[in-house]
N, C-alpha and C. Protein backbone atom coordinates (compact mmCIF):
# COMPACT_ATOMS: atom_id res chain seq x y z
N MET A 1 -11.08 20.11 1.93
CA MET A 1 -11.14 18.67 2.10
C MET A 1 -10.44 18.00 0.92
N TRP A 2 -9.68 16.99 1.19
CA TRP A 2 -8.94 16.28 0.14
C TRP A 2 -9.83 15.26 -0.58
N ARG A 3 -9.41 14.93 -1.78
CA ARG A 3 -10.06 13.89 -2.58
C ARG A 3 -8.96 13.34 -3.49
N GLY A 4 -8.74 12.04 -3.42
CA GLY A 4 -7.64 11.43 -4.16
C GLY A 4 -8.12 10.38 -5.14
N LYS A 5 -7.14 9.66 -5.66
CA LYS A 5 -7.43 8.67 -6.70
C LYS A 5 -6.54 7.44 -6.49
N LEU A 6 -7.10 6.28 -6.78
CA LEU A 6 -6.35 5.02 -6.76
C LEU A 6 -5.71 4.84 -8.14
N LEU A 7 -4.39 4.83 -8.17
CA LEU A 7 -3.68 4.71 -9.45
C LEU A 7 -3.36 3.26 -9.81
N HIS A 8 -2.87 2.50 -8.82
CA HIS A 8 -2.40 1.13 -9.10
C HIS A 8 -2.82 0.19 -7.97
N ILE A 9 -3.07 -1.06 -8.35
CA ILE A 9 -3.35 -2.15 -7.40
C ILE A 9 -2.33 -3.24 -7.68
N HIS A 10 -1.64 -3.69 -6.62
CA HIS A 10 -0.66 -4.77 -6.76
C HIS A 10 -0.82 -5.81 -5.67
N ILE A 11 -0.56 -7.05 -6.02
CA ILE A 11 -0.48 -8.14 -5.04
C ILE A 11 0.76 -8.97 -5.38
N ALA A 12 1.19 -9.76 -4.43
CA ALA A 12 2.22 -10.77 -4.67
C ALA A 12 1.67 -12.07 -4.09
N GLU A 13 1.87 -13.16 -4.79
CA GLU A 13 1.32 -14.43 -4.35
C GLU A 13 2.02 -15.01 -3.12
N ARG A 14 3.28 -14.64 -2.93
CA ARG A 14 4.05 -15.12 -1.78
C ARG A 14 5.22 -14.17 -1.55
N ALA A 15 5.92 -14.35 -0.45
CA ALA A 15 7.10 -13.54 -0.15
C ALA A 15 8.10 -13.61 -1.30
N LYS A 16 8.69 -12.50 -1.62
CA LYS A 16 9.73 -12.36 -2.65
C LYS A 16 9.22 -12.55 -4.08
N ALA A 17 7.95 -12.91 -4.24
CA ALA A 17 7.40 -13.05 -5.60
C ALA A 17 7.22 -11.67 -6.20
N PRO A 18 7.34 -11.57 -7.51
CA PRO A 18 7.12 -10.27 -8.16
C PRO A 18 5.70 -9.77 -7.90
N MET A 19 5.56 -8.46 -7.81
CA MET A 19 4.25 -7.86 -7.67
C MET A 19 3.51 -7.98 -8.99
N ILE A 20 2.23 -8.27 -8.91
CA ILE A 20 1.37 -8.41 -10.08
C ILE A 20 0.39 -7.25 -10.06
N GLU A 21 0.32 -6.51 -11.17
CA GLU A 21 -0.63 -5.40 -11.22
C GLU A 21 -2.00 -5.92 -11.64
N LEU A 22 -3.01 -5.45 -10.93
CA LEU A 22 -4.40 -5.81 -11.21
C LEU A 22 -5.18 -4.54 -11.57
N GLN A 23 -6.19 -4.68 -12.39
CA GLN A 23 -7.08 -3.55 -12.66
C GLN A 23 -8.17 -3.44 -11.61
N SER A 24 -8.50 -4.58 -10.99
CA SER A 24 -9.48 -4.57 -9.91
C SER A 24 -9.11 -5.68 -8.93
N ALA A 25 -9.65 -5.57 -7.72
CA ALA A 25 -9.35 -6.56 -6.68
C ALA A 25 -10.46 -6.59 -5.66
N LEU A 26 -10.60 -7.74 -5.02
CA LEU A 26 -11.57 -7.91 -3.94
C LEU A 26 -10.85 -7.73 -2.61
N LEU A 27 -11.33 -6.80 -1.79
CA LEU A 27 -10.80 -6.58 -0.45
C LEU A 27 -11.75 -7.21 0.56
N ILE A 28 -11.20 -8.05 1.43
CA ILE A 28 -12.00 -8.83 2.37
C ILE A 28 -11.70 -8.37 3.80
N PRO A 29 -12.73 -7.93 4.54
CA PRO A 29 -12.51 -7.47 5.92
C PRO A 29 -11.83 -8.53 6.78
N ASP A 30 -10.94 -8.07 7.66
CA ASP A 30 -10.20 -8.94 8.58
C ASP A 30 -9.35 -9.98 7.87
N ASP A 31 -9.04 -9.76 6.60
CA ASP A 31 -8.26 -10.73 5.83
C ASP A 31 -7.24 -10.03 4.94
N GLY A 32 -7.69 -9.36 3.90
CA GLY A 32 -6.78 -8.68 3.00
C GLY A 32 -7.30 -8.67 1.58
N ILE A 33 -6.39 -8.53 0.64
CA ILE A 33 -6.74 -8.53 -0.77
C ILE A 33 -6.71 -9.98 -1.25
N GLU A 34 -7.78 -10.40 -1.87
CA GLU A 34 -7.86 -11.78 -2.36
C GLU A 34 -6.64 -12.11 -3.22
N GLY A 35 -5.94 -13.19 -2.84
CA GLY A 35 -4.78 -13.65 -3.58
C GLY A 35 -3.45 -13.06 -3.15
N ASP A 36 -3.48 -12.06 -2.27
CA ASP A 36 -2.21 -11.44 -1.83
C ASP A 36 -1.54 -12.29 -0.75
N ARG A 37 -0.24 -12.19 -0.67
CA ARG A 37 0.57 -12.99 0.26
C ARG A 37 0.15 -12.83 1.72
N TYR A 38 -0.32 -11.67 2.12
CA TYR A 38 -0.71 -11.49 3.51
C TYR A 38 -2.11 -12.01 3.78
N SER A 39 -2.93 -12.13 2.77
CA SER A 39 -4.24 -12.76 2.91
C SER A 39 -4.08 -14.28 3.06
N THR A 40 -3.12 -14.84 2.35
CA THR A 40 -2.90 -16.29 2.37
C THR A 40 -1.90 -16.73 3.44
N GLY A 41 -1.26 -15.78 4.13
CA GLY A 41 -0.28 -16.12 5.16
C GLY A 41 1.10 -16.45 4.63
N LEU A 42 1.39 -16.09 3.38
CA LEU A 42 2.67 -16.42 2.75
C LEU A 42 3.61 -15.22 2.62
N GLY A 43 3.31 -14.13 3.31
CA GLY A 43 4.15 -12.94 3.25
C GLY A 43 5.36 -13.06 4.16
N THR A 44 6.36 -12.27 3.88
CA THR A 44 7.59 -12.27 4.67
C THR A 44 7.31 -12.06 6.15
N TYR A 45 6.38 -11.17 6.47
CA TYR A 45 6.09 -10.85 7.87
C TYR A 45 4.76 -11.43 8.34
N SER A 46 4.24 -12.42 7.66
CA SER A 46 2.93 -12.99 8.02
C SER A 46 2.87 -13.51 9.45
N GLN A 47 3.96 -14.03 9.97
CA GLN A 47 3.95 -14.62 11.31
C GLN A 47 4.10 -13.59 12.42
N ILE A 48 4.33 -12.34 12.06
CA ILE A 48 4.47 -11.26 13.04
C ILE A 48 3.13 -10.55 13.15
N PRO A 49 2.49 -10.58 14.32
CA PRO A 49 1.19 -9.93 14.46
C PRO A 49 1.27 -8.43 14.15
N ASP A 50 0.40 -7.99 13.25
CA ASP A 50 0.36 -6.59 12.85
C ASP A 50 -0.82 -6.41 11.91
N VAL A 51 -1.19 -5.18 11.68
CA VAL A 51 -2.24 -4.89 10.71
C VAL A 51 -1.56 -4.65 9.37
N ARG A 52 -1.86 -5.52 8.42
CA ARG A 52 -1.35 -5.31 7.06
C ARG A 52 -2.32 -5.91 6.06
N GLU A 53 -3.61 -5.73 6.33
CA GLU A 53 -4.62 -6.25 5.41
C GLU A 53 -4.46 -5.62 4.02
N VAL A 54 -4.14 -4.34 4.00
CA VAL A 54 -3.85 -3.65 2.75
C VAL A 54 -2.88 -2.51 3.06
N THR A 55 -1.90 -2.32 2.19
CA THR A 55 -0.90 -1.28 2.39
C THR A 55 -0.98 -0.28 1.23
N LEU A 56 -0.76 1.00 1.57
CA LEU A 56 -0.86 2.06 0.58
C LEU A 56 0.41 2.90 0.59
N ILE A 57 0.71 3.51 -0.55
CA ILE A 57 1.81 4.46 -0.66
C ILE A 57 1.39 5.54 -1.65
N GLU A 58 1.91 6.73 -1.46
CA GLU A 58 1.57 7.87 -2.32
C GLU A 58 2.48 7.92 -3.54
N VAL A 59 1.91 8.17 -4.70
CA VAL A 59 2.73 8.37 -5.90
C VAL A 59 3.63 9.59 -5.71
N GLU A 60 3.19 10.54 -4.89
CA GLU A 60 4.00 11.73 -4.62
C GLU A 60 5.32 11.34 -3.95
N THR A 61 5.31 10.27 -3.16
CA THR A 61 6.56 9.78 -2.55
C THR A 61 7.50 9.26 -3.63
N LEU A 62 6.96 8.53 -4.59
CA LEU A 62 7.79 7.99 -5.67
C LEU A 62 8.40 9.12 -6.50
N ILE A 63 7.63 10.16 -6.73
CA ILE A 63 8.13 11.33 -7.46
C ILE A 63 9.24 12.02 -6.67
N ALA A 64 9.03 12.16 -5.35
CA ALA A 64 10.05 12.79 -4.49
C ALA A 64 11.33 11.97 -4.43
N LEU A 65 11.22 10.65 -4.42
CA LEU A 65 12.43 9.80 -4.42
C LEU A 65 13.25 10.05 -5.67
N ARG A 66 12.57 10.16 -6.79
CA ARG A 66 13.27 10.41 -8.05
C ARG A 66 13.90 11.80 -8.04
N ARG A 67 13.13 12.79 -7.62
CA ARG A 67 13.59 14.17 -7.63
C ARG A 67 14.70 14.43 -6.61
N ASP A 68 14.51 13.95 -5.38
CA ASP A 68 15.42 14.30 -4.29
C ASP A 68 16.58 13.34 -4.08
N HIS A 69 16.42 12.09 -4.53
CA HIS A 69 17.44 11.07 -4.25
C HIS A 69 17.90 10.32 -5.49
N ASP A 70 17.40 10.71 -6.65
CA ASP A 70 17.73 10.04 -7.91
C ASP A 70 17.47 8.53 -7.82
N LEU A 71 16.38 8.17 -7.13
CA LEU A 71 15.97 6.77 -6.98
C LEU A 71 14.67 6.55 -7.74
N ASP A 72 14.68 5.59 -8.63
CA ASP A 72 13.48 5.27 -9.39
C ASP A 72 12.82 4.04 -8.78
N LEU A 73 11.74 4.26 -8.03
CA LEU A 73 10.99 3.17 -7.41
C LEU A 73 9.62 3.16 -8.07
N SER A 74 9.38 2.19 -8.91
CA SER A 74 8.13 2.13 -9.67
C SER A 74 7.01 1.52 -8.81
N PRO A 75 5.76 1.67 -9.24
CA PRO A 75 4.65 1.11 -8.47
C PRO A 75 4.72 -0.41 -8.27
N ASP A 76 5.42 -1.12 -9.12
CA ASP A 76 5.55 -2.56 -8.88
C ASP A 76 6.81 -2.91 -8.09
N ASP A 77 7.61 -1.90 -7.74
CA ASP A 77 8.81 -2.11 -6.92
C ASP A 77 8.56 -1.94 -5.42
N HIS A 78 7.68 -1.04 -5.02
CA HIS A 78 7.60 -0.62 -3.62
C HIS A 78 6.95 -1.62 -2.67
N ARG A 79 6.34 -2.68 -3.20
CA ARG A 79 5.78 -3.78 -2.41
C ARG A 79 4.53 -3.38 -1.61
N ARG A 80 3.95 -2.22 -1.85
CA ARG A 80 2.68 -1.84 -1.25
C ARG A 80 1.58 -2.25 -2.21
N ASN A 81 0.37 -2.45 -1.67
CA ASN A 81 -0.73 -2.91 -2.51
C ASN A 81 -1.35 -1.82 -3.37
N LEU A 82 -1.55 -0.65 -2.78
CA LEU A 82 -2.25 0.41 -3.50
C LEU A 82 -1.37 1.63 -3.62
N THR A 83 -1.30 2.20 -4.82
CA THR A 83 -0.60 3.45 -5.05
C THR A 83 -1.66 4.53 -5.23
N THR A 84 -1.58 5.57 -4.40
CA THR A 84 -2.58 6.63 -4.39
C THR A 84 -2.02 7.93 -4.95
N GLN A 85 -2.93 8.82 -5.27
CA GLN A 85 -2.55 10.18 -5.68
C GLN A 85 -3.47 11.15 -4.95
N GLY A 86 -2.88 12.17 -4.34
CA GLY A 86 -3.67 13.20 -3.68
C GLY A 86 -4.28 12.78 -2.36
N VAL A 87 -3.69 11.78 -1.71
CA VAL A 87 -4.22 11.27 -0.44
C VAL A 87 -3.16 11.48 0.65
N PRO A 88 -3.48 12.21 1.72
CA PRO A 88 -2.51 12.49 2.79
C PRO A 88 -2.36 11.30 3.74
N LEU A 89 -1.68 10.26 3.31
CA LEU A 89 -1.63 9.01 4.07
C LEU A 89 -1.11 9.18 5.49
N ASN A 90 -0.10 10.01 5.69
CA ASN A 90 0.46 10.16 7.04
C ASN A 90 -0.55 10.73 8.03
N HIS A 91 -1.59 11.37 7.53
CA HIS A 91 -2.60 11.97 8.41
C HIS A 91 -3.81 11.05 8.63
N LEU A 92 -3.74 9.84 8.10
CA LEU A 92 -4.91 8.96 8.18
C LEU A 92 -4.79 7.84 9.22
N VAL A 93 -3.77 7.88 10.05
CA VAL A 93 -3.68 6.91 11.14
C VAL A 93 -4.85 7.15 12.09
N GLY A 94 -5.62 6.08 12.35
CA GLY A 94 -6.79 6.19 13.22
C GLY A 94 -8.02 6.77 12.53
N LYS A 95 -7.92 7.05 11.25
CA LYS A 95 -9.04 7.64 10.50
C LYS A 95 -9.62 6.63 9.53
N ARG A 96 -10.90 6.80 9.25
CA ARG A 96 -11.58 5.97 8.26
C ARG A 96 -11.70 6.75 6.95
N PHE A 97 -11.61 6.01 5.85
CA PHE A 97 -11.73 6.63 4.54
C PHE A 97 -12.18 5.59 3.54
N TRP A 98 -12.54 6.04 2.36
CA TRP A 98 -13.11 5.17 1.32
C TRP A 98 -12.21 5.09 0.11
N VAL A 99 -12.06 3.89 -0.40
CA VAL A 99 -11.43 3.65 -1.70
C VAL A 99 -12.55 3.04 -2.54
N GLY A 100 -13.17 3.86 -3.39
CA GLY A 100 -14.36 3.41 -4.09
C GLY A 100 -15.38 2.97 -3.06
N PRO A 101 -15.93 1.73 -3.17
CA PRO A 101 -16.95 1.26 -2.24
C PRO A 101 -16.40 0.59 -0.97
N VAL A 102 -15.09 0.61 -0.80
CA VAL A 102 -14.44 -0.09 0.31
C VAL A 102 -14.03 0.91 1.39
N GLN A 103 -14.37 0.60 2.64
CA GLN A 103 -13.98 1.46 3.76
C GLN A 103 -12.75 0.88 4.45
N LEU A 104 -11.74 1.73 4.59
CA LEU A 104 -10.49 1.36 5.27
C LEU A 104 -10.32 2.22 6.51
N GLU A 105 -9.49 1.72 7.42
CA GLU A 105 -9.07 2.50 8.57
C GLU A 105 -7.55 2.45 8.65
N GLY A 106 -6.94 3.62 8.72
CA GLY A 106 -5.49 3.68 8.86
C GLY A 106 -5.08 3.14 10.21
N ALA A 107 -4.24 2.10 10.22
CA ALA A 107 -3.83 1.47 11.48
C ALA A 107 -2.50 2.03 11.98
N ARG A 108 -1.53 2.10 11.08
CA ARG A 108 -0.22 2.64 11.48
C ARG A 108 0.55 3.00 10.23
N LEU A 109 1.51 3.91 10.40
CA LEU A 109 2.41 4.23 9.30
C LEU A 109 3.29 3.03 9.02
N ASN A 110 3.52 2.78 7.77
CA ASN A 110 4.42 1.69 7.39
C ASN A 110 5.85 2.16 7.64
N VAL A 111 6.67 1.29 8.12
CA VAL A 111 8.06 1.59 8.41
C VAL A 111 8.92 0.94 7.33
N PRO A 112 9.84 1.69 6.74
CA PRO A 112 10.68 1.05 5.73
C PRO A 112 11.53 -0.04 6.35
N CYS A 113 11.89 -1.01 5.55
CA CYS A 113 12.71 -2.10 6.06
C CYS A 113 13.83 -2.40 5.06
N ARG A 114 14.86 -3.01 5.56
CA ARG A 114 15.99 -3.37 4.70
C ARG A 114 15.61 -4.44 3.68
N TYR A 115 14.54 -5.18 3.97
CA TYR A 115 14.07 -6.20 3.04
C TYR A 115 13.75 -5.58 1.68
N LEU A 116 13.15 -4.39 1.69
CA LEU A 116 12.82 -3.71 0.43
C LEU A 116 14.08 -3.41 -0.38
N GLU A 117 15.16 -3.05 0.30
CA GLU A 117 16.43 -2.84 -0.39
C GLU A 117 16.94 -4.14 -1.00
N LEU A 118 16.80 -5.23 -0.27
CA LEU A 118 17.24 -6.54 -0.76
C LEU A 118 16.46 -6.93 -2.02
N VAL A 119 15.15 -6.77 -1.98
CA VAL A 119 14.31 -7.17 -3.11
C VAL A 119 14.51 -6.28 -4.33
N THR A 120 14.64 -4.96 -4.10
CA THR A 120 14.75 -4.03 -5.23
C THR A 120 16.19 -3.79 -5.68
N GLY A 121 17.15 -4.02 -4.78
CA GLY A 121 18.53 -3.69 -5.09
C GLY A 121 18.78 -2.19 -5.11
N LYS A 122 17.88 -1.42 -4.49
CA LYS A 122 17.98 0.04 -4.47
C LYS A 122 18.09 0.54 -3.03
N PRO A 123 18.94 1.54 -2.77
CA PRO A 123 19.12 2.05 -1.40
C PRO A 123 17.98 2.98 -0.98
N VAL A 124 16.81 2.41 -0.72
CA VAL A 124 15.61 3.21 -0.45
C VAL A 124 15.28 3.37 1.03
N TYR A 125 15.92 2.61 1.90
CA TYR A 125 15.56 2.60 3.31
C TYR A 125 15.51 4.00 3.91
N GLU A 126 16.60 4.72 3.90
CA GLU A 126 16.64 6.04 4.53
C GLU A 126 15.73 7.03 3.83
N ALA A 127 15.63 6.95 2.51
CA ALA A 127 14.78 7.88 1.76
C ALA A 127 13.30 7.69 2.07
N LEU A 128 12.91 6.51 2.54
CA LEU A 128 11.50 6.23 2.82
C LEU A 128 11.10 6.44 4.29
N ILE A 129 12.03 6.84 5.13
CA ILE A 129 11.68 7.09 6.53
C ILE A 129 10.63 8.20 6.59
N HIS A 130 9.54 7.95 7.29
CA HIS A 130 8.40 8.85 7.47
C HIS A 130 7.54 9.02 6.22
N ARG A 131 7.80 8.24 5.19
CA ARG A 131 6.93 8.32 4.00
C ARG A 131 6.88 6.98 3.27
N SER A 132 6.81 5.93 4.06
CA SER A 132 6.81 4.58 3.51
C SER A 132 5.40 4.00 3.34
N GLY A 133 4.39 4.83 3.59
CA GLY A 133 3.03 4.38 3.36
C GLY A 133 2.23 4.15 4.62
N LEU A 134 1.08 3.50 4.44
CA LEU A 134 0.11 3.31 5.51
C LEU A 134 -0.41 1.89 5.49
N ASN A 135 -0.42 1.23 6.65
CA ASN A 135 -1.03 -0.09 6.81
C ASN A 135 -2.47 0.13 7.27
N CYS A 136 -3.41 -0.59 6.65
CA CYS A 136 -4.82 -0.38 6.94
C CYS A 136 -5.59 -1.65 7.24
N ARG A 137 -6.68 -1.46 7.99
CA ARG A 137 -7.69 -2.50 8.19
C ARG A 137 -8.77 -2.29 7.13
N ILE A 138 -9.36 -3.39 6.72
CA ILE A 138 -10.50 -3.32 5.81
C ILE A 138 -11.75 -3.44 6.67
N LEU A 139 -12.54 -2.38 6.74
CA LEU A 139 -13.75 -2.38 7.56
C LEU A 139 -14.97 -2.84 6.77
N GLN A 140 -15.07 -2.34 5.55
CA GLN A 140 -16.17 -2.75 4.66
C GLN A 140 -15.53 -3.18 3.35
N GLY A 141 -15.66 -4.44 3.02
CA GLY A 141 -15.01 -4.98 1.84
C GLY A 141 -15.78 -4.73 0.55
N GLY A 142 -15.19 -5.20 -0.52
CA GLY A 142 -15.80 -5.06 -1.83
C GLY A 142 -14.74 -5.01 -2.90
N ASP A 143 -15.18 -4.74 -4.10
CA ASP A 143 -14.28 -4.66 -5.25
C ASP A 143 -13.82 -3.23 -5.47
N ILE A 144 -12.52 -3.06 -5.65
CA ILE A 144 -11.97 -1.76 -6.02
C ILE A 144 -11.40 -1.87 -7.42
N THR A 145 -11.29 -0.73 -8.08
CA THR A 145 -10.78 -0.67 -9.45
C THR A 145 -9.82 0.49 -9.56
N ALA A 146 -8.73 0.30 -10.30
CA ALA A 146 -7.81 1.41 -10.57
C ALA A 146 -8.63 2.56 -11.14
N GLY A 147 -8.41 3.75 -10.61
CA GLY A 147 -9.17 4.93 -11.02
C GLY A 147 -10.23 5.32 -10.01
N ASP A 148 -10.52 4.43 -9.02
CA ASP A 148 -11.51 4.75 -8.00
C ASP A 148 -11.12 6.02 -7.25
N ILE A 149 -12.14 6.73 -6.79
CA ILE A 149 -11.94 7.91 -5.97
C ILE A 149 -11.65 7.47 -4.53
N ILE A 150 -10.73 8.18 -3.88
CA ILE A 150 -10.42 7.96 -2.47
C ILE A 150 -10.82 9.22 -1.74
N LYS A 151 -11.62 9.06 -0.68
CA LYS A 151 -12.12 10.25 0.04
C LYS A 151 -12.28 9.93 1.52
N PRO A 152 -12.30 10.98 2.36
CA PRO A 152 -12.48 10.76 3.79
C PRO A 152 -13.87 10.23 4.09
N ASP A 153 -14.01 9.62 5.28
CA ASP A 153 -15.30 9.09 5.73
C ASP A 153 -16.24 10.24 6.06
């Protein structure tokens, strides 16, 4: 059985705004991360119906981008909210899991978009196909903190 760790928490106040790293954050069911662009409706894709209450990406993906494609995508570049370690995100679609005291459900795999290339100025689109992270629903809200354990339900 896997057991992972929450490395980084990021939000952006609005579309195209720089990501802000937080040590802790409040996750609100059926809404998102307090203060994040998708919670307030100010995200690039806010008007497109989809589950994006919280988005996750694996640090292992960032390491692979550097190793395999010579692309340096830092945790504040990738535009996902949570950076995880040791969590098999691609296998969590339709599954429930815990980030500290917060219960999430994997809704769908995140699909890379050209917008990320525009914002970062890095050719990451093709390199992120099938490993661009996971969009989740927040089932049980609460406060999370960098360093929290991530585990299956």
